[in-house]
Amino acid sequence: MGEPLEEAFSQTDIAGYNYAEFRYETDIRKYPQRIILGTECYPGALYENWQQCMKHPQIIGDFGWTAWDYLGEAGVGQHRYGEADNNDLYGRYPWRSAGCGDFDLTGNRRPVSYWREIVWGLRKEPYIAVQDPAHYGEKQSPTKWGWSDGERRWNFRGQEGNPVTVEVYSDAEEVELYINDRCVGKEKTVRDKAFFTAVYEPGTLRAVNIRNGQPAEADELISASYDVHVEQMEAGEGIIEFAVMDDSGILNPDVTVNLTVSEENNPELLGLGSADPKSDENYFERTVKTWQGRAMAVIRGTGKLRIEVKDETAECN
């Protein structure tokens, strides 16, 4: 099957394979001198692809689609529940971004990026992500560019006492999980992931790597209180982030706040929005809803923006 590409690849130093990792083994046997690069690959296939990279020196790397979320190809990385047609790739209105980036539209890292870091051997600490307890027990059907619905949060108001699935990414042999210092259990990792069934209870969620039978590196999530305020932070030249924080400085992604933004003194507002892949808000308006506790403004000039919380009562996501 590789014959049609023989002439083309003979003219290149490196052969680029897009979504063709299934051909690695066969083509390496047939063309042992060929240098292969996975130039575009499904994000969830990284573990197997990286094993191939480590096994065969001819495979020099793997590019997963994609690093940063983007407008267009709307919903190609969407998460779905129940049965889904894998050929139905795109999201219907109001989807507008792809929803498949390791970074969301405002530059915050999504859980899949930490899994990659662990697979690559660049992170020893485990990483906790929590699936939405409102959909516990439902079949998860992400697209081939998607991920689970696990997010970096331990705030689910109204779900107290309900079952929840906790994902822990780790390269250790086993992981132990604790809720408020009570052991939930110990699970072996498969593909650098461990899954736990727990009961949601606000407080502290802690995961501990077990290496050679002994506790090692750890990660934890702490529930934020619902007495929140909006903080304004400079995130770079011309970039201002808004974050829904409690008095202890913990982000509460469970709360949505409606913000109105206006200029004071020097700043000129150029754009305002959130990372919500399904928002139909206009980036050039002066109002925005936070998403997962965050929003972002782009300005010209220096100084802070004036922000007003339109609704006194914050709503849960």
C-alpha atoms as a PDB file:
ATOM      1  CA  MET A   1       0.000   0.000   0.000  1.00  0.00           C
ATOM      2  CA  GLY A   2       2.988   2.332   0.378  1.00  0.00           C
ATOM      3  CA  GLU A   3       4.074   2.136  -3.260  1.00  0.00           C
ATOM      4  CA  PRO A   4       2.226   5.279  -4.468  1.00  0.00           C
ATOM      5  CA  LEU A   5       4.244   7.374  -1.995  1.00  0.00           C
ATOM      6  CA  GLU A   6       7.657   5.846  -2.643  1.00  0.00           C
ATOM      7  CA  GLU A   7       8.701   8.415  -5.234  1.00  0.00           C
ATOM      8  CA  ALA A   8       7.462  11.401  -3.181  1.00  0.00           C
ATOM      9  CA  PHE A   9       9.082  10.242   0.054  1.00  0.00           C
ATOM     10  CA  SER A  10      12.348   9.490  -1.771  1.00  0.00           C
ATOM     11  CA  GLN A  11      12.657  13.255  -2.347  1.00  0.00           C
ATOM     12  CA  THR A  12      12.238  14.241   1.299  1.00  0.00           C
ATOM     13  CA  ASP A  13      14.430  13.874   4.360  1.00  0.00           C
ATOM     14  CA  ILE A  14      11.413  13.130   6.568  1.00  0.00           C
ATOM     15  CA  ALA A  15       8.146  11.411   5.668  1.00  0.00           C
ATOM     16  CA  GLY A  16       5.108  13.124   7.196  1.00  0.00           C
ATOM     17  CA  TYR A  17       2.275  10.831   8.302  1.00  0.00           C
ATOM     18  CA  ASN A  18      -1.111  12.427   9.031  1.00  0.00           C
ATOM     19  CA  TYR A  19      -3.395  10.165  11.077  1.00  0.00           C
ATOM     20  CA  ALA A  20      -1.480   7.185   9.730  1.00  0.00           C
ATOM     21  CA  GLU A  21       0.139   5.692  12.812  1.00  0.00           C
ATOM     22  CA  PHE A  22      -1.424   2.350  11.891  1.00  0.00           C
ATOM     23  CA  ARG A  23       1.205   2.162   9.111  1.00  0.00           C
ATOM     24  CA  TYR A  24       4.266   2.751  11.278  1.00  0.00           C
ATOM     25  CA  GLU A  25       5.196  -0.886  11.910  1.00  0.00           C
ATOM     26  CA  THR A  26       4.521  -2.061   8.356  1.00  0.00           C
ATOM     27  CA  ASP A  27       6.365   0.797   6.675  1.00  0.00           C
ATOM     28  CA  ILE A  28       9.370   0.566   9.004  1.00  0.00           C
ATOM     29  CA  ARG A  29       9.798  -3.081   8.031  1.00  0.00           C
ATOM     30  CA  LYS A  30       9.399  -2.270   4.331  1.00  0.00           C
ATOM     31  CA  TYR A  31      11.419   0.980   4.345  1.00  0.00           C
ATOM     32  CA  PRO A  32      13.879   0.653   7.248  1.00  0.00           C
ATOM     33  CA  GLN A  33      15.819   3.788   6.212  1.00  0.00           C
ATOM     34  CA  ARG A  34      12.730   6.025   6.160  1.00  0.00           C
ATOM     35  CA  ILE A  35      12.525   8.770   8.824  1.00  0.00           C
ATOM     36  CA  ILE A  36       8.926   9.200   9.953  1.00  0.00           C
ATOM     37  CA  LEU A  37       7.186  12.081  11.716  1.00  0.00           C
ATOM     38  CA  GLY A  38       3.588  11.975  12.916  1.00  0.00           C
ATOM     39  CA  THR A  39       2.673  15.373  11.501  1.00  0.00           C
ATOM     40  CA  GLU A  40      -0.947  15.330  12.699  1.00  0.00           C
ATOM     41  CA  CYS A  41      -2.398  12.813  15.147  1.00  0.00           C
ATOM     42  CA  TYR A  42      -5.455  12.314  17.325  1.00  0.00           C
ATOM     43  CA  PRO A  43      -4.879  13.706  20.839  1.00  0.00           C
ATOM     44  CA  GLY A  44      -6.026  10.527  22.568  1.00  0.00           C
ATOM     45  CA  ALA A  45      -3.609   8.396  20.543  1.00  0.00           C
ATOM     46  CA  LEU A  46      -0.511   9.949  22.074  1.00  0.00           C
ATOM     47  CA  TYR A  47       0.253   7.117  24.503  1.00  0.00           C
ATOM     48  CA  GLU A  48       0.441   4.449  21.785  1.00  0.00           C
ATOM     49  CA  ASN A  49       2.191   6.798  19.364  1.00  0.00           C
ATOM     50  CA  TRP A  50       4.813   7.691  21.941  1.00  0.00           C
ATOM     51  CA  GLN A  51       5.462   4.004  22.628  1.00  0.00           C
ATOM     52  CA  GLN A  52       6.186   3.653  18.911  1.00  0.00           C
ATOM     53  CA  CYS A  53       8.532   6.658  19.032  1.00  0.00           C
ATOM     54  CA  MET A  54      10.430   5.100  21.924  1.00  0.00           C
ATOM     55  CA  LYS A  55      10.588   1.709  20.207  1.00  0.00           C
ATOM     56  CA  HIS A  56      11.639   2.818  16.720  1.00  0.00           C
ATOM     57  CA  PRO A  57      14.400   5.434  16.291  1.00  0.00           C
ATOM     58  CA  GLN A  58      13.090   6.061  12.759  1.00  0.00           C
ATOM     59  CA  ILE A  59       9.997   7.749  14.279  1.00  0.00           C
ATOM     60  CA  ILE A  60      11.205  11.115  15.482  1.00  0.00           C
ATOM     61  CA  GLY A  61       8.048  12.597  16.960  1.00  0.00           C
ATOM     62  CA  ASP A  62       4.322  13.114  17.060  1.00  0.00           C
ATOM     63  CA  PHE A  63       2.243  16.277  16.620  1.00  0.00           C
ATOM     64  CA  GLY A  64      -1.181  16.071  18.230  1.00  0.00           C
ATOM     65  CA  TRP A  65      -4.010  18.220  16.917  1.00  0.00           C
ATOM     66  CA  THR A  66      -3.949  20.711  18.490  1.00  0.00           C
ATOM     67  CA  ALA A  67      -2.087  22.964  20.920  1.00  0.00           C
ATOM     68  CA  TRP A  68      -4.420  25.994  21.076  1.00  0.00           C
ATOM     69  CA  ASP A  69      -8.152  26.060  20.561  1.00  0.00           C
ATOM     70  CA  TYR A  70      -9.325  28.105  17.579  1.00  0.00           C
ATOM     71  CA  LEU A  71     -12.402  29.507  15.888  1.00  0.00           C
ATOM     72  CA  GLY A  72     -13.684  27.329  13.092  1.00  0.00           C
ATOM     73  CA  GLU A  73     -14.136  23.577  12.621  1.00  0.00           C
ATOM     74  CA  ALA A  74     -16.773  24.214  15.266  1.00  0.00           C
ATOM     75  CA  GLY A  75     -17.187  21.395  17.757  1.00  0.00           C
ATOM     76  CA  VAL A  76     -14.690  19.008  16.167  1.00  0.00           C
ATOM     77  CA  GLY A  77     -13.385  18.288  19.679  1.00  0.00           C
ATOM     78  CA  GLN A  78     -16.762  18.331  21.393  1.00  0.00           C
ATOM     79  CA  HIS A  79     -17.691  16.024  24.222  1.00  0.00           C
ATOM     80  CA  ARG A  80     -20.931  14.073  23.811  1.00  0.00           C
ATOM     81  CA  TYR A  81     -22.972  11.715  25.961  1.00  0.00           C
ATOM     82  CA  GLY A  82     -24.772   8.561  24.867  1.00  0.00           C
ATOM     83  CA  GLU A  83     -24.426   6.989  21.444  1.00  0.00           C
ATOM     84  CA  ALA A  84     -22.832   9.222  18.826  1.00  0.00           C
ATOM     85  CA  ASP A  85     -21.963   8.954  15.158  1.00  0.00           C
ATOM     86  CA  ASN A  86     -18.181   9.280  14.748  1.00  0.00           C
ATOM     87  CA  ASN A  87     -18.755  10.648  11.254  1.00  0.00           C
ATOM     88  CA  ASP A  88     -20.797  13.529  12.678  1.00  0.00           C
ATOM     89  CA  LEU A  89     -17.793  15.697  13.470  1.00  0.00           C
ATOM     90  CA  TYR A  90     -19.104  19.198  13.919  1.00  0.00           C
ATOM     91  CA  GLY A  91     -21.138  20.880  16.621  1.00  0.00           C
ATOM     92  CA  ARG A  92     -24.398  22.631  15.936  1.00  0.00           C
ATOM     93  CA  TYR A  93     -25.111  26.229  16.937  1.00  0.00           C
ATOM     94  CA  PRO A  94     -23.963  27.814  19.187  1.00  0.00           C
ATOM     95  CA  TRP A  95     -20.661  25.919  18.782  1.00  0.00           C
ATOM     96  CA  ARG A  96     -18.049  28.218  17.268  1.00  0.00           C
ATOM     97  CA  SER A  97     -14.592  27.029  18.341  1.00  0.00           C
ATOM     98  CA  ALA A  98     -13.075  23.631  17.632  1.00  0.00           C
ATOM     99  CA  GLY A  99     -12.946  22.702  21.322  1.00  0.00           C
ATOM    100  CA  CYS A 100      -9.911  20.457  20.874  1.00  0.00           C
ATOM    101  CA  GLY A 101      -6.948  22.524  22.067  1.00  0.00           C
ATOM    102  CA  ASP A 102      -4.562  21.618  24.861  1.00  0.00           C
ATOM    103  CA  PHE A 103      -5.005  25.309  25.707  1.00  0.00           C
ATOM    104  CA  ASP A 104      -8.436  26.912  25.622  1.00  0.00           C
ATOM    105  CA  LEU A 105      -9.178  30.135  23.733  1.00  0.00           C
ATOM    106  CA  THR A 106      -7.853  32.287  26.577  1.00  0.00           C
ATOM    107  CA  GLY A 107      -4.667  30.289  27.083  1.00  0.00           C
ATOM    108  CA  ASN A 108      -5.551  28.179  30.116  1.00  0.00           C
ATOM    109  CA  ARG A 109      -4.241  24.622  30.043  1.00  0.00           C
ATOM    110  CA  ARG A 110      -6.809  21.871  29.741  1.00  0.00           C
ATOM    111  CA  PRO A 111      -6.397  18.465  31.459  1.00  0.00           C
ATOM    112  CA  VAL A 112      -5.256  16.675  28.290  1.00  0.00           C
ATOM    113  CA  SER A 113      -2.123  18.848  28.244  1.00  0.00           C
ATOM    114  CA  TYR A 114      -1.051  17.501  31.646  1.00  0.00           C
ATOM    115  CA  TRP A 115      -1.600  13.925  30.473  1.00  0.00           C
ATOM    116  CA  ARG A 116       0.692  14.646  27.517  1.00  0.00           C
ATOM    117  CA  GLU A 117       3.322  16.038  29.860  1.00  0.00           C
ATOM    118  CA  ILE A 118       3.202  12.847  31.918  1.00  0.00           C
ATOM    119  CA  VAL A 119       3.325  10.570  28.857  1.00  0.00           C
ATOM    120  CA  TRP A 120       6.367  12.476  27.597  1.00  0.00           C
ATOM    121  CA  GLY A 121       8.116  11.960  30.946  1.00  0.00           C
ATOM    122  CA  LEU A 122       8.174  15.685  31.737  1.00  0.00           C
ATOM    123  CA  ARG A 123       5.982  15.569  34.861  1.00  0.00           C
ATOM    124  CA  LYS A 124       6.224  13.234  37.847  1.00  0.00           C
ATOM    125  CA  GLU A 125       3.351  14.662  39.904  1.00  0.00           C
ATOM    126  CA  PRO A 126      -0.092  13.170  39.269  1.00  0.00           C
ATOM    127  CA  TYR A 127      -2.850  15.384  37.896  1.00  0.00           C
ATOM    128  CA  ILE A 128      -6.501  15.280  38.976  1.00  0.00           C
ATOM    129  CA  ALA A 129      -9.479  15.909  36.689  1.00  0.00           C
ATOM    130  CA  VAL A 130     -13.095  15.296  37.691  1.00  0.00           C
ATOM    131  CA  GLN A 131     -15.940  14.243  35.423  1.00  0.00           C
ATOM    132  CA  ASP A 132     -19.292  16.018  35.685  1.00  0.00           C
ATOM    133  CA  PRO A 133     -21.357  14.148  38.318  1.00  0.00           C
ATOM    134  CA  ALA A 134     -24.549  15.339  36.611  1.00  0.00           C
ATOM    135  CA  HIS A 135     -23.710  12.858  33.826  1.00  0.00           C
ATOM    136  CA  TYR A 136     -22.418  10.044  36.025  1.00  0.00           C
ATOM    137  CA  GLY A 137     -23.111   6.637  34.499  1.00  0.00           C
ATOM    138  CA  GLU A 138     -23.770   7.990  31.011  1.00  0.00           C
ATOM    139  CA  LYS A 139     -21.685   6.752  28.119  1.00  0.00           C
ATOM    140  CA  GLN A 140     -19.067   9.287  27.079  1.00  0.00           C
ATOM    141  CA  SER A 141     -18.670   9.735  23.334  1.00  0.00           C
ATOM    142  CA  PRO A 142     -16.076  12.383  22.519  1.00  0.00           C
ATOM    143  CA  THR A 143     -15.051  12.823  18.904  1.00  0.00           C
ATOM    144  CA  LYS A 144     -11.678  11.500  17.780  1.00  0.00           C
ATOM    145  CA  TRP A 145     -10.262  14.954  18.587  1.00  0.00           C
ATOM    146  CA  GLY A 146     -12.073  15.163  21.897  1.00  0.00           C
ATOM    147  CA  TRP A 147     -11.364  14.184  25.483  1.00  0.00           C
ATOM    148  CA  SER A 148     -13.439  13.147  28.463  1.00  0.00           C
ATOM    149  CA  ASP A 149     -15.519  15.766  30.264  1.00  0.00           C
ATOM    150  CA  GLY A 150     -13.005  15.751  33.139  1.00  0.00           C
ATOM    151  CA  GLU A 151     -12.141  19.229  34.380  1.00  0.00           C
ATOM    152  CA  ARG A 152      -9.890  20.712  37.041  1.00  0.00           C
ATOM    153  CA  ARG A 153     -12.561  21.347  39.655  1.00  0.00           C
ATOM    154  CA  TRP A 154     -13.942  20.067  42.963  1.00  0.00           C
ATOM    155  CA  ASN A 155     -17.006  22.338  43.093  1.00  0.00           C
ATOM    156  CA  PHE A 156     -20.343  20.855  42.047  1.00  0.00           C
ATOM    157  CA  ARG A 157     -23.058  22.597  44.029  1.00  0.00           C
ATOM    158  CA  GLY A 158     -26.213  20.480  44.242  1.00  0.00           C
ATOM    159  CA  GLN A 159     -24.355  17.206  43.640  1.00  0.00           C
ATOM    160  CA  GLU A 160     -23.364  16.544  47.260  1.00  0.00           C
ATOM    161  CA  GLY A 161     -23.676  12.838  48.056  1.00  0.00           C
ATOM    162  CA  ASN A 162     -23.870  11.809  44.400  1.00  0.00           C
ATOM    163  CA  PRO A 163     -21.393   9.483  42.661  1.00  0.00           C
ATOM    164  CA  VAL A 164     -18.607  11.022  40.611  1.00  0.00           C
ATOM    165  CA  THR A 165     -15.755   9.712  38.474  1.00  0.00           C
ATOM    166  CA  VAL A 166     -12.288  11.050  39.251  1.00  0.00           C
ATOM    167  CA  GLU A 167      -9.529  10.748  36.664  1.00  0.00           C
ATOM    168  CA  VAL A 168      -5.901  10.811  37.780  1.00  0.00           C
ATOM    169  CA  TYR A 169      -3.115  11.048  35.211  1.00  0.00           C
ATOM    170  CA  SER A 170       0.075   9.433  36.427  1.00  0.00           C
ATOM    171  CA  ASP A 171       3.083   7.417  35.268  1.00  0.00           C
ATOM    172  CA  ALA A 172       3.283   5.567  38.603  1.00  0.00           C
ATOM    173  CA  GLU A 173       2.265   1.908  38.909  1.00  0.00           C
ATOM    174  CA  GLU A 174      -0.659   2.779  41.187  1.00  0.00           C
ATOM    175  CA  VAL A 175      -2.482   5.813  42.528  1.00  0.00           C
ATOM    176  CA  GLU A 176      -4.269   6.271  45.847  1.00  0.00           C
ATOM    177  CA  LEU A 177      -7.147   8.728  46.185  1.00  0.00           C
ATOM    178  CA  TYR A 178      -8.323  10.559  49.321  1.00  0.00           C
ATOM    179  CA  ILE A 179     -11.331  12.761  50.048  1.00  0.00           C
ATOM    180  CA  ASN A 180     -10.970  14.841  53.201  1.00  0.00           C
ATOM    181  CA  ASP A 181      -8.167  12.516  54.380  1.00  0.00           C
ATOM    182  CA  ARG A 182     -10.320   9.378  53.929  1.00  0.00           C
ATOM    183  CA  CYS A 183      -8.955   6.820  51.486  1.00  0.00           C
ATOM    184  CA  VAL A 184     -11.269   6.202  48.541  1.00  0.00           C
ATOM    185  CA  GLY A 185      -9.136   3.402  47.148  1.00  0.00           C
ATOM    186  CA  LYS A 186      -6.087   2.423  45.163  1.00  0.00           C
ATOM    187  CA  GLU A 187      -6.101   1.827  41.395  1.00  0.00           C
ATOM    188  CA  LYS A 188      -3.526   0.675  38.871  1.00  0.00           C
ATOM    189  CA  THR A 189      -2.719   3.021  36.025  1.00  0.00           C
ATOM    190  CA  VAL A 190      -3.426   2.070  32.408  1.00  0.00           C
ATOM    191  CA  ARG A 191      -2.084   4.315  29.645  1.00  0.00           C
ATOM    192  CA  ASP A 192      -0.927   6.679  32.418  1.00  0.00           C
ATOM    193  CA  LYS A 193      -4.473   7.056  33.759  1.00  0.00           C
ATOM    194  CA  ALA A 194      -6.350   5.774  36.797  1.00  0.00           C
ATOM    195  CA  PHE A 195     -10.109   6.061  37.334  1.00  0.00           C
ATOM    196  CA  PHE A 196     -11.959   6.147  40.646  1.00  0.00           C
ATOM    197  CA  THR A 197     -15.633   6.088  41.569  1.00  0.00           C
ATOM    198  CA  ALA A 198     -16.206   8.345  44.550  1.00  0.00           C
ATOM    199  CA  VAL A 199     -18.989  10.302  46.229  1.00  0.00           C
ATOM    200  CA  TYR A 200     -18.863  14.059  45.831  1.00  0.00           C
ATOM    201  CA  GLU A 201     -18.193  15.851  49.080  1.00  0.00           C
ATOM    202  CA  PRO A 202     -16.752  19.377  49.167  1.00  0.00           C
ATOM    203  CA  GLY A 203     -13.362  19.735  50.777  1.00  0.00           C
ATOM    204  CA  THR A 204      -9.989  18.368  49.696  1.00  0.00           C
ATOM    205  CA  LEU A 205      -9.432  15.802  46.956  1.00  0.00           C
ATOM    206  CA  ARG A 206      -5.921  14.348  46.991  1.00  0.00           C
ATOM    207  CA  ALA A 207      -4.166  11.852  44.710  1.00  0.00           C
ATOM    208  CA  VAL A 208      -0.898  10.168  45.673  1.00  0.00           C
ATOM    209  CA  ASN A 209       1.437   8.256  43.382  1.00  0.00           C
ATOM    210  CA  ILE A 210       2.477   4.824  44.655  1.00  0.00           C
ATOM    211  CA  ARG A 211       5.963   3.859  43.467  1.00  0.00           C
ATOM    212  CA  ASN A 212       7.528   0.581  44.557  1.00  0.00           C
ATOM    213  CA  GLY A 213       4.764   0.254  47.118  1.00  0.00           C
ATOM    214  CA  GLN A 214       5.508   3.616  48.763  1.00  0.00           C
ATOM    215  CA  PRO A 215       3.706   6.997  48.613  1.00  0.00           C
ATOM    216  CA  ALA A 216       5.444   9.456  46.330  1.00  0.00           C
ATOM    217  CA  GLU A 217       4.321  12.587  44.480  1.00  0.00           C
ATOM    218  CA  ALA A 218       0.861  14.053  45.120  1.00  0.00           C
ATOM    219  CA  ASP A 219      -1.709  16.468  43.699  1.00  0.00           C
ATOM    220  CA  GLU A 220      -4.779  17.982  45.354  1.00  0.00           C
ATOM    221  CA  LEU A 221      -7.891  20.007  44.636  1.00  0.00           C
ATOM    222  CA  ILE A 222      -9.611  22.164  47.248  1.00  0.00           C
ATOM    223  CA  SER A 223     -13.234  23.258  46.946  1.00  0.00           C
ATOM    224  CA  ALA A 224     -13.740  27.010  46.739  1.00  0.00           C
ATOM    225  CA  SER A 225     -16.391  28.690  48.838  1.00  0.00           C
ATOM    226  CA  TYR A 226     -19.352  30.371  47.129  1.00  0.00           C
ATOM    227  CA  ASP A 227     -18.651  33.743  48.728  1.00  0.00           C
ATOM    228  CA  VAL A 228     -16.839  34.994  45.637  1.00  0.00           C
ATOM    229  CA  HIS A 229     -15.561  38.155  44.030  1.00  0.00           C
ATOM    230  CA  VAL A 230     -14.005  38.989  40.658  1.00  0.00           C
ATOM    231  CA  GLU A 231     -10.273  39.658  40.509  1.00  0.00           C
ATOM    232  CA  GLN A 232      -8.601  41.516  37.651  1.00  0.00           C
ATOM    233  CA  MET A 233      -5.062  40.421  36.763  1.00  0.00           C
ATOM    234  CA  GLU A 234      -2.571  41.372  34.065  1.00  0.00           C
ATOM    235  CA  ALA A 235      -1.655  38.262  32.091  1.00  0.00           C
ATOM    236  CA  GLY A 236       0.722  39.893  29.644  1.00  0.00           C
ATOM    237  CA  GLU A 237       1.055  43.070  27.636  1.00  0.00           C
ATOM    238  CA  GLY A 238      -2.432  44.153  26.658  1.00  0.00           C
ATOM    239  CA  ILE A 239      -4.076  41.101  28.261  1.00  0.00           C
ATOM    240  CA  ILE A 240      -6.271  41.289  31.369  1.00  0.00           C
ATOM    241  CA  GLU A 241      -7.807  38.222  32.989  1.00  0.00           C
ATOM    242  CA  PHE A 242     -10.892  38.169  35.203  1.00  0.00           C
ATOM    243  CA  ALA A 243     -11.224  35.333  37.712  1.00  0.00           C
ATOM    244  CA  VAL A 244     -14.041  34.353  40.077  1.00  0.00           C
ATOM    245  CA  MET A 245     -12.210  33.790  43.369  1.00  0.00           C
ATOM    246  CA  ASP A 246     -13.157  33.097  46.968  1.00  0.00           C
ATOM    247  CA  ASP A 247     -11.563  34.903  49.910  1.00  0.00           C
ATOM    248  CA  SER A 248      -8.855  32.221  50.154  1.00  0.00           C
ATOM    249  CA  GLY A 249      -7.738  32.891  46.595  1.00  0.00           C
ATOM    250  CA  ILE A 250      -9.235  29.683  45.156  1.00  0.00           C
ATOM    251  CA  LEU A 251     -10.883  29.842  41.736  1.00  0.00           C
ATOM    252  CA  ASN A 252     -14.533  28.757  41.730  1.00  0.00           C
ATOM    253  CA  PRO A 253     -15.279  27.416  38.228  1.00  0.00           C
ATOM    254  CA  ASP A 254     -18.805  26.449  39.314  1.00  0.00           C
ATOM    255  CA  VAL A 255     -19.960  30.077  39.370  1.00  0.00           C
ATOM    256  CA  THR A 256     -20.875  32.195  36.357  1.00  0.00           C
ATOM    257  CA  VAL A 257     -20.749  35.960  36.783  1.00  0.00           C
ATOM    258  CA  ASN A 258     -22.091  38.531  34.313  1.00  0.00           C
ATOM    259  CA  LEU A 259     -19.554  41.325  33.868  1.00  0.00           C
ATOM    260  CA  THR A 260     -19.815  44.761  32.313  1.00  0.00           C
ATOM    261  CA  VAL A 261     -16.456  46.311  31.447  1.00  0.00           C
ATOM    262  CA  SER A 262     -15.627  49.979  30.834  1.00  0.00           C
ATOM    263  CA  GLU A 263     -12.412  51.967  30.386  1.00  0.00           C
ATOM    264  CA  GLU A 264     -10.833  54.259  32.946  1.00  0.00           C
ATOM    265  CA  ASN A 265      -7.988  56.613  32.035  1.00  0.00           C
ATOM    266  CA  ASN A 266      -5.708  55.057  29.400  1.00  0.00           C
ATOM    267  CA  PRO A 267      -6.960  51.579  28.418  1.00  0.00           C
ATOM    268  CA  GLU A 268      -8.921  51.121  25.207  1.00  0.00           C
ATOM    269  CA  LEU A 269     -10.954  47.936  25.138  1.00  0.00           C
ATOM    270  CA  LEU A 270     -10.248  45.970  21.945  1.00  0.00           C
ATOM    271  CA  GLY A 271     -11.960  42.688  22.755  1.00  0.00           C
ATOM    272  CA  LEU A 272     -13.771  40.838  25.526  1.00  0.00           C
ATOM    273  CA  GLY A 273     -14.748  37.205  25.845  1.00  0.00           C
ATOM    274  CA  SER A 274     -14.313  33.823  27.492  1.00  0.00           C
ATOM    275  CA  ALA A 275     -13.056  30.405  26.439  1.00  0.00           C
ATOM    276  CA  ASP A 276     -16.607  29.048  26.179  1.00  0.00           C
ATOM    277  CA  PRO A 277     -16.622  27.126  22.876  1.00  0.00           C
ATOM    278  CA  LYS A 278     -20.395  27.484  22.629  1.00  0.00           C
ATOM    279  CA  SER A 279     -20.821  31.133  23.549  1.00  0.00           C
ATOM    280  CA  ASP A 280     -22.715  33.325  21.098  1.00  0.00           C
ATOM    281  CA  GLU A 281     -21.418  36.534  22.712  1.00  0.00           C
ATOM    282  CA  ASN A 282     -19.821  39.192  20.530  1.00  0.00           C
ATOM    283  CA  TYR A 283     -16.140  39.738  21.301  1.00  0.00           C
ATOM    284  CA  PHE A 284     -16.606  43.492  20.654  1.00  0.00           C
ATOM    285  CA  GLU A 285     -19.361  44.022  23.204  1.00  0.00           C
ATOM    286  CA  ARG A 286     -18.711  45.259  26.731  1.00  0.00           C
ATOM    287  CA  THR A 287     -20.477  42.487  28.614  1.00  0.00           C
ATOM    288  CA  VAL A 288     -19.401  38.904  29.109  1.00  0.00           C
ATOM    289  CA  LYS A 289     -20.266  35.834  31.148  1.00  0.00           C
ATOM    290  CA  THR A 290     -17.375  34.136  32.855  1.00  0.00           C
ATOM    291  CA  TRP A 291     -16.834  30.517  31.832  1.00  0.00           C
ATOM    292  CA  GLN A 292     -15.272  28.040  34.240  1.00  0.00           C
ATOM    293  CA  GLY A 293     -14.634  31.035  36.453  1.00  0.00           C
ATOM    294  CA  ARG A 294     -12.705  33.105  33.897  1.00  0.00           C
ATOM    295  CA  ALA A 295     -12.954  35.747  31.200  1.00  0.00           C
ATOM    296  CA  MET A 296     -10.418  37.874  29.328  1.00  0.00           C
ATOM    297  CA  ALA A 297     -10.059  41.359  27.872  1.00  0.00           C
ATOM    298  CA  VAL A 298      -7.589  42.683  25.303  1.00  0.00           C
ATOM    299  CA  ILE A 299      -6.679  46.350  25.688  1.00  0.00           C
ATOM    300  CA  ARG A 300      -4.546  49.036  24.092  1.00  0.00           C
ATOM    301  CA  GLY A 301      -2.759  51.214  26.611  1.00  0.00           C
ATOM    302  CA  THR A 302      -2.033  50.761  30.289  1.00  0.00           C
ATOM    303  CA  GLY A 303      -4.032  50.616  33.474  1.00  0.00           C
ATOM    304  CA  LYS A 304      -7.013  48.659  34.704  1.00  0.00           C
ATOM    305  CA  LEU A 305     -10.561  48.357  33.438  1.00  0.00           C
ATOM    306  CA  ARG A 306     -13.618  49.141  35.488  1.00  0.00           C
ATOM    307  CA  ILE A 307     -15.730  46.046  36.009  1.00  0.00           C
ATOM    308  CA  GLU A 308     -19.289  45.800  37.251  1.00  0.00           C
ATOM    309  CA  VAL A 309     -21.081  42.613  38.270  1.00  0.00           C
ATOM    310  CA  LYS A 310     -24.469  43.043  36.648  1.00  0.00           C
ATOM    311  CA  ASP A 311     -26.215  40.313  38.634  1.00  0.00           C
ATOM    312  CA  GLU A 312     -25.958  40.272  42.387  1.00  0.00           C
ATOM    313  CA  THR A 313     -26.703  36.539  42.347  1.00  0.00           C
ATOM    314  CA  ALA A 314     -24.083  34.400  40.631  1.00  0.00           C
ATOM    315  CA  GLU A 315     -25.391  31.363  38.806  1.00  0.00           C
ATOM    316  CA  CYS A 316     -23.914  27.872  38.752  1.00  0.00           C
ATOM    317  CA  ASN A 317     -22.608  26.424  35.488  1.00  0.00           C
END
